[in-house]
Amino acid sequence: MTDLNDLKTKLTRLQLKAMASSLDSVLADAQAKNTSILHTISQLADLELERRRQSAIKLRWDQSKLPDKPTIDQFDFEHHKSRKDHKNQILHLLDLEFIKERMDVVLIGNPGTGKTFLANCIGGAACNANVKVLFTTAMDMINHLIAAEADHSLLKKLQYYQSADLLCVDEIGYLSLGQQGSHLFFQVISARHQKKSTLLTTNLPFADWGKVFDSTTVATAIADRLVFRSEILILGGSSYRRKVK
């Protein structure tokens, strides 16, 4: 007859950590309730599946580089009419159907209108659903790509930004990306177009994107791909940060 400690050792070696750690309590409960062997094994399997789900979610959060973990209940929909007008659209985005449909999201508004907060909420919801997410600012992404181009690792770095199921690019519009940066940005967006979802936040309407990118031609090409199948939210009002100070 298999010794209990021997079984625990085997489960641990098989990387079934939850089953091993819960074996004593589950077996004791099964004996007290006279439950079937099949039910007991199923219960142990459920515990293992839940451990692996939680581990996967933790990994998604670690990989995402999300700066915060806000939740939508913290978002003041009464702050401005645009928030109330977009409420159903925002809540629908949290269902993450747009990721399954490989659609993009563009959040447009002045500083402090809630763009980054919503990007974090949506990215966090995706992490909790075990979706691969990557959050970055536009300048950080471009600086890393330029550095990778210099040390001949550009293809690897491009793959890094192209592989996430949801890429959140924050703060487009505050600084010009220059010719090299604009072309690299285009490569990321073009490679992801209709294959993976991209969420961007910007303080500029599409008509002014020529100020950020090297030329109106590049700006138009990027905007054209993003608008093709996307959810576009324009957030208005004064900075919410001033309100809560």
Protein backbone atom coordinates (compact mmCIF):
# COMPACT_ATOMS: atom_id res chain seq x y z
CA MET A 1 0.00 0.00 0.00
CA THR A 2 1.30 3.43 -0.93
CA ASP A 3 2.55 5.45 2.02
CA LEU A 4 0.93 8.89 2.33
CA ASN A 5 4.27 10.69 2.53
CA ASP A 6 5.47 8.76 -0.50
CA LEU A 7 2.39 9.92 -2.42
CA LYS A 8 3.02 13.52 -1.39
CA THR A 9 6.58 13.25 -2.63
CA LYS A 10 5.40 11.91 -5.98
CA LEU A 11 2.82 14.70 -6.32
CA THR A 12 5.46 17.30 -5.52
CA ARG A 13 7.87 15.81 -8.07
CA LEU A 14 5.06 15.99 -10.63
CA GLN A 15 4.69 19.72 -9.83
CA LEU A 16 1.22 19.09 -8.34
CA LYS A 17 1.90 21.36 -5.40
CA ALA A 18 -1.69 22.13 -4.43
CA MET A 19 -2.61 18.47 -4.48
CA ALA A 20 0.37 17.62 -2.30
CA SER A 21 -0.25 20.37 0.24
CA SER A 22 -4.00 19.67 0.48
CA LEU A 23 -3.79 15.88 0.50
CA ASP A 24 -4.12 15.42 4.28
CA SER A 25 -7.13 17.69 4.70
CA VAL A 26 -8.95 16.44 1.60
CA LEU A 27 -8.46 12.80 2.55
CA ALA A 28 -9.58 13.48 6.12
CA ASP A 29 -12.68 15.27 4.85
CA ALA A 30 -13.40 12.45 2.39
CA GLN A 31 -13.13 9.85 5.16
CA ALA A 32 -15.42 11.86 7.49
CA LYS A 33 -18.05 12.33 4.78
CA ASN A 34 -17.53 8.91 3.20
CA THR A 35 -17.19 10.49 -0.25
CA SER A 36 -16.20 8.46 -3.30
CA ILE A 37 -12.64 8.10 -4.58
CA LEU A 38 -13.68 9.79 -7.83
CA HIS A 39 -15.07 12.82 -5.96
CA THR A 40 -11.94 13.06 -3.82
CA ILE A 41 -9.61 12.95 -6.83
CA SER A 42 -11.78 15.53 -8.60
CA GLN A 43 -11.57 17.82 -5.56
CA LEU A 44 -7.79 17.55 -5.50
CA ALA A 45 -7.66 18.26 -9.25
CA ASP A 46 -9.83 21.37 -8.77
CA LEU A 47 -7.44 22.67 -6.11
CA GLU A 48 -4.49 22.14 -8.45
CA LEU A 49 -6.24 23.86 -11.35
CA GLU A 50 -7.05 26.87 -9.14
CA ARG A 51 -3.42 27.10 -7.97
CA ARG A 52 -2.23 27.09 -11.56
CA ARG A 53 -4.82 29.70 -12.54
CA GLN A 54 -3.67 31.99 -9.74
CA SER A 55 -0.02 31.45 -10.69
CA ALA A 56 -0.78 32.28 -14.32
CA ILE A 57 -2.59 35.48 -13.32
CA LYS A 58 0.32 36.53 -11.10
CA LEU A 59 2.68 35.96 -14.03
CA ARG A 60 0.43 38.08 -16.29
CA TRP A 61 0.57 40.94 -13.79
CA ASP A 62 4.35 40.66 -13.42
CA GLN A 63 4.82 40.67 -17.20
CA SER A 64 2.37 43.50 -17.83
CA LYS A 65 4.41 46.32 -16.24
CA LEU A 66 1.12 47.96 -15.28
CA PRO A 67 1.96 50.83 -12.88
CA ASP A 68 -1.23 50.57 -10.82
CA LYS A 69 -4.09 48.23 -9.97
CA PRO A 70 -7.16 50.49 -10.05
CA THR A 71 -10.68 49.13 -10.39
CA ILE A 72 -13.55 50.64 -12.31
CA ASP A 73 -15.56 51.30 -9.13
CA GLN A 74 -12.96 54.00 -8.37
CA PHE A 75 -13.74 55.82 -11.63
CA ASP A 76 -16.03 58.81 -11.07
CA PHE A 77 -18.50 58.67 -13.95
CA GLU A 78 -20.19 61.82 -12.63
CA HIS A 79 -17.07 63.97 -13.03
CA HIS A 80 -17.92 65.00 -16.59
CA LYS A 81 -20.66 64.45 -19.15
CA SER A 82 -18.27 62.63 -21.48
CA ARG A 83 -17.69 59.99 -18.79
CA LYS A 84 -21.42 59.43 -18.38
CA ASP A 85 -21.92 59.34 -22.15
CA HIS A 86 -19.19 56.69 -22.53
CA LYS A 87 -20.14 54.64 -19.45
CA ASN A 88 -21.71 51.71 -21.32
CA GLN A 89 -18.84 51.71 -23.81
CA ILE A 90 -16.26 51.68 -21.00
CA LEU A 91 -18.00 48.86 -19.12
CA HIS A 92 -18.24 46.88 -22.35
CA LEU A 93 -14.48 47.24 -22.86
CA LEU A 94 -13.96 45.60 -19.47
CA ASP A 95 -15.72 42.51 -20.87
CA LEU A 96 -12.60 42.18 -23.07
CA GLU A 97 -14.56 41.16 -26.16
CA PHE A 98 -12.51 43.67 -28.16
CA ILE A 99 -9.39 41.58 -27.49
CA LYS A 100 -11.07 38.43 -28.81
CA GLU A 101 -12.11 40.42 -31.88
CA ARG A 102 -8.60 41.91 -32.26
CA MET A 103 -9.94 45.46 -32.12
CA ASP A 104 -8.06 48.53 -30.93
CA VAL A 105 -8.98 51.21 -28.40
CA VAL A 106 -8.01 54.88 -28.51
CA LEU A 107 -8.60 57.13 -25.50
CA ILE A 108 -8.37 60.84 -26.35
CA GLY A 109 -8.44 63.70 -23.86
CA ASN A 110 -6.53 66.39 -22.03
CA PRO A 111 -4.24 65.48 -19.11
CA GLY A 112 -6.12 64.28 -16.04
CA THR A 113 -9.30 63.19 -17.81
CA GLY A 114 -8.93 59.52 -16.89
CA LYS A 115 -7.21 57.98 -19.91
CA THR A 116 -4.34 56.28 -18.08
CA PHE A 117 -6.65 55.22 -15.25
CA LEU A 118 -8.94 53.45 -17.73
CA ALA A 119 -5.98 51.90 -19.54
CA ASN A 120 -4.84 50.43 -16.22
CA CYS A 121 -8.35 49.18 -15.42
CA ILE A 122 -8.72 47.47 -18.80
CA GLY A 123 -5.19 46.07 -18.67
CA GLY A 124 -5.79 44.78 -15.15
CA ALA A 125 -9.05 43.11 -16.17
CA ALA A 126 -7.19 41.41 -19.00
CA CYS A 127 -4.45 40.17 -16.63
CA ASN A 128 -7.12 38.71 -14.33
CA ALA A 129 -8.56 36.91 -17.35
CA ASN A 130 -5.11 35.40 -18.03
CA VAL A 131 -4.53 37.56 -21.10
CA LYS A 132 -0.99 38.60 -21.97
CA VAL A 133 -0.72 42.37 -21.42
CA LEU A 134 2.10 44.87 -21.79
CA PHE A 135 1.89 48.48 -20.60
CA THR A 136 4.38 51.13 -21.72
CA THR A 137 4.60 54.82 -22.42
CA ALA A 138 5.17 55.83 -26.02
CA MET A 139 8.60 57.29 -25.25
CA ASP A 140 9.76 54.29 -23.24
CA MET A 141 8.82 51.96 -26.07
CA ILE A 142 10.56 54.09 -28.68
CA ASN A 143 13.69 54.55 -26.55
CA HIS A 144 13.96 50.79 -26.07
CA LEU A 145 13.45 50.15 -29.79
CA ILE A 146 16.07 52.73 -30.76
CA ALA A 147 18.53 51.18 -28.30
CA ALA A 148 17.76 47.74 -29.72
CA GLU A 149 18.35 48.98 -33.24
CA ALA A 150 21.75 50.28 -32.13
CA ASP A 151 22.83 46.95 -30.63
CA HIS A 152 21.33 44.84 -33.45
CA SER A 153 18.57 43.29 -31.34
CA LEU A 154 15.69 45.17 -32.96
CA LEU A 155 13.82 42.10 -34.23
CA LYS A 156 13.78 40.61 -30.74
CA LYS A 157 12.57 43.86 -29.18
CA LEU A 158 9.90 44.33 -31.87
CA GLN A 159 8.65 40.83 -31.09
CA TYR A 160 8.45 41.81 -27.42
CA TYR A 161 6.00 44.61 -28.25
CA GLN A 162 4.19 42.62 -30.91
CA SER A 163 3.55 39.46 -28.88
CA ALA A 164 1.24 40.82 -26.18
CA ASP A 165 -2.46 40.15 -26.75
CA LEU A 166 -3.07 43.67 -25.42
CA LEU A 167 -0.44 46.39 -25.79
CA CYS A 168 -1.23 49.57 -23.83
CA VAL A 169 0.73 52.58 -25.07
CA ASP A 170 0.32 55.60 -22.83
CA GLU A 171 1.07 59.31 -23.33
CA ILE A 172 1.15 59.70 -27.10
CA GLY A 173 1.39 63.36 -27.97
CA TYR A 174 3.47 64.93 -25.23
CA LEU A 175 6.79 64.59 -27.06
CA SER A 176 7.72 64.30 -30.71
CA LEU A 177 8.98 60.83 -31.63
CA GLY A 178 11.25 62.01 -34.47
CA GLN A 179 11.81 60.25 -37.77
CA GLN A 180 13.42 57.10 -36.39
CA GLY A 181 10.91 56.78 -33.55
CA SER A 182 7.96 57.38 -35.86
CA HIS A 183 9.06 54.66 -38.24
CA LEU A 184 9.59 52.22 -35.37
CA PHE A 185 6.18 53.06 -33.92
CA PHE A 186 4.64 52.38 -37.33
CA GLN A 187 6.34 48.98 -37.44
CA VAL A 188 4.78 47.98 -34.12
CA ILE A 189 1.29 49.15 -35.07
CA SER A 190 1.49 47.65 -38.56
CA ALA A 191 2.61 44.26 -37.24
CA ARG A 192 -0.21 44.18 -34.68
CA HIS A 193 -2.94 45.41 -37.04
CA GLN A 194 -5.88 42.94 -37.05
CA LYS A 195 -3.72 40.38 -35.21
CA LYS A 196 -3.53 41.74 -31.67
CA SER A 197 -5.30 44.54 -29.77
CA THR A 198 -3.61 47.85 -29.02
CA LEU A 199 -4.87 50.46 -26.56
CA LEU A 200 -3.48 53.98 -26.89
CA THR A 201 -3.96 57.11 -24.80
CA THR A 202 -3.32 60.50 -26.32
CA ASN A 203 -3.91 64.17 -25.56
CA LEU A 204 -4.17 64.99 -29.26
CA PRO A 205 -6.94 64.45 -31.83
CA PHE A 206 -5.92 62.45 -34.88
CA ALA A 207 -5.70 65.64 -36.96
CA ASP A 208 -2.76 66.79 -34.82
CA TRP A 209 -0.78 63.54 -34.87
CA GLY A 210 1.53 65.00 -37.50
CA LYS A 211 3.06 67.02 -34.64
CA VAL A 212 4.09 63.81 -32.86
CA PHE A 213 5.14 61.65 -35.76
CA ASP A 214 7.75 62.58 -38.33
CA SER A 215 5.27 63.46 -41.06
CA THR A 216 1.58 63.60 -41.79
CA THR A 217 2.11 60.59 -44.07
CA VAL A 218 3.34 58.39 -41.22
CA ALA A 219 0.74 59.83 -38.85
CA THR A 220 -2.04 59.10 -41.34
CA ALA A 221 -0.80 55.55 -41.91
CA ILE A 222 -0.76 54.84 -38.17
CA ALA A 223 -4.14 56.48 -37.52
CA ASP A 224 -5.68 54.69 -40.50
CA ARG A 225 -4.77 51.29 -39.06
CA LEU A 226 -5.95 52.20 -35.56
CA VAL A 227 -9.30 53.61 -36.71
CA PHE A 228 -10.09 50.70 -39.04
CA ARG A 229 -11.61 48.52 -36.28
CA SER A 230 -11.53 50.36 -33.00
CA GLU A 231 -13.36 51.86 -30.07
CA ILE A 232 -12.62 55.59 -29.78
CA LEU A 233 -13.47 57.45 -26.58
CA ILE A 234 -13.08 61.20 -26.24
CA LEU A 235 -12.90 62.27 -22.60
CA GLY A 236 -13.48 65.90 -21.72
CA GLY A 237 -13.59 68.14 -18.70
CA SER A 238 -10.99 69.50 -16.33
CA SER A 239 -8.30 67.40 -14.71
CA TYR A 240 -9.74 65.01 -12.13
CA ARG A 241 -6.45 65.19 -10.24
CA ARG A 242 -7.19 68.83 -9.37
CA LYS A 243 -10.57 67.82 -7.99
CA VAL A 244 -9.19 65.25 -5.55
CA LYS A 245 -6.35 67.41 -4.22
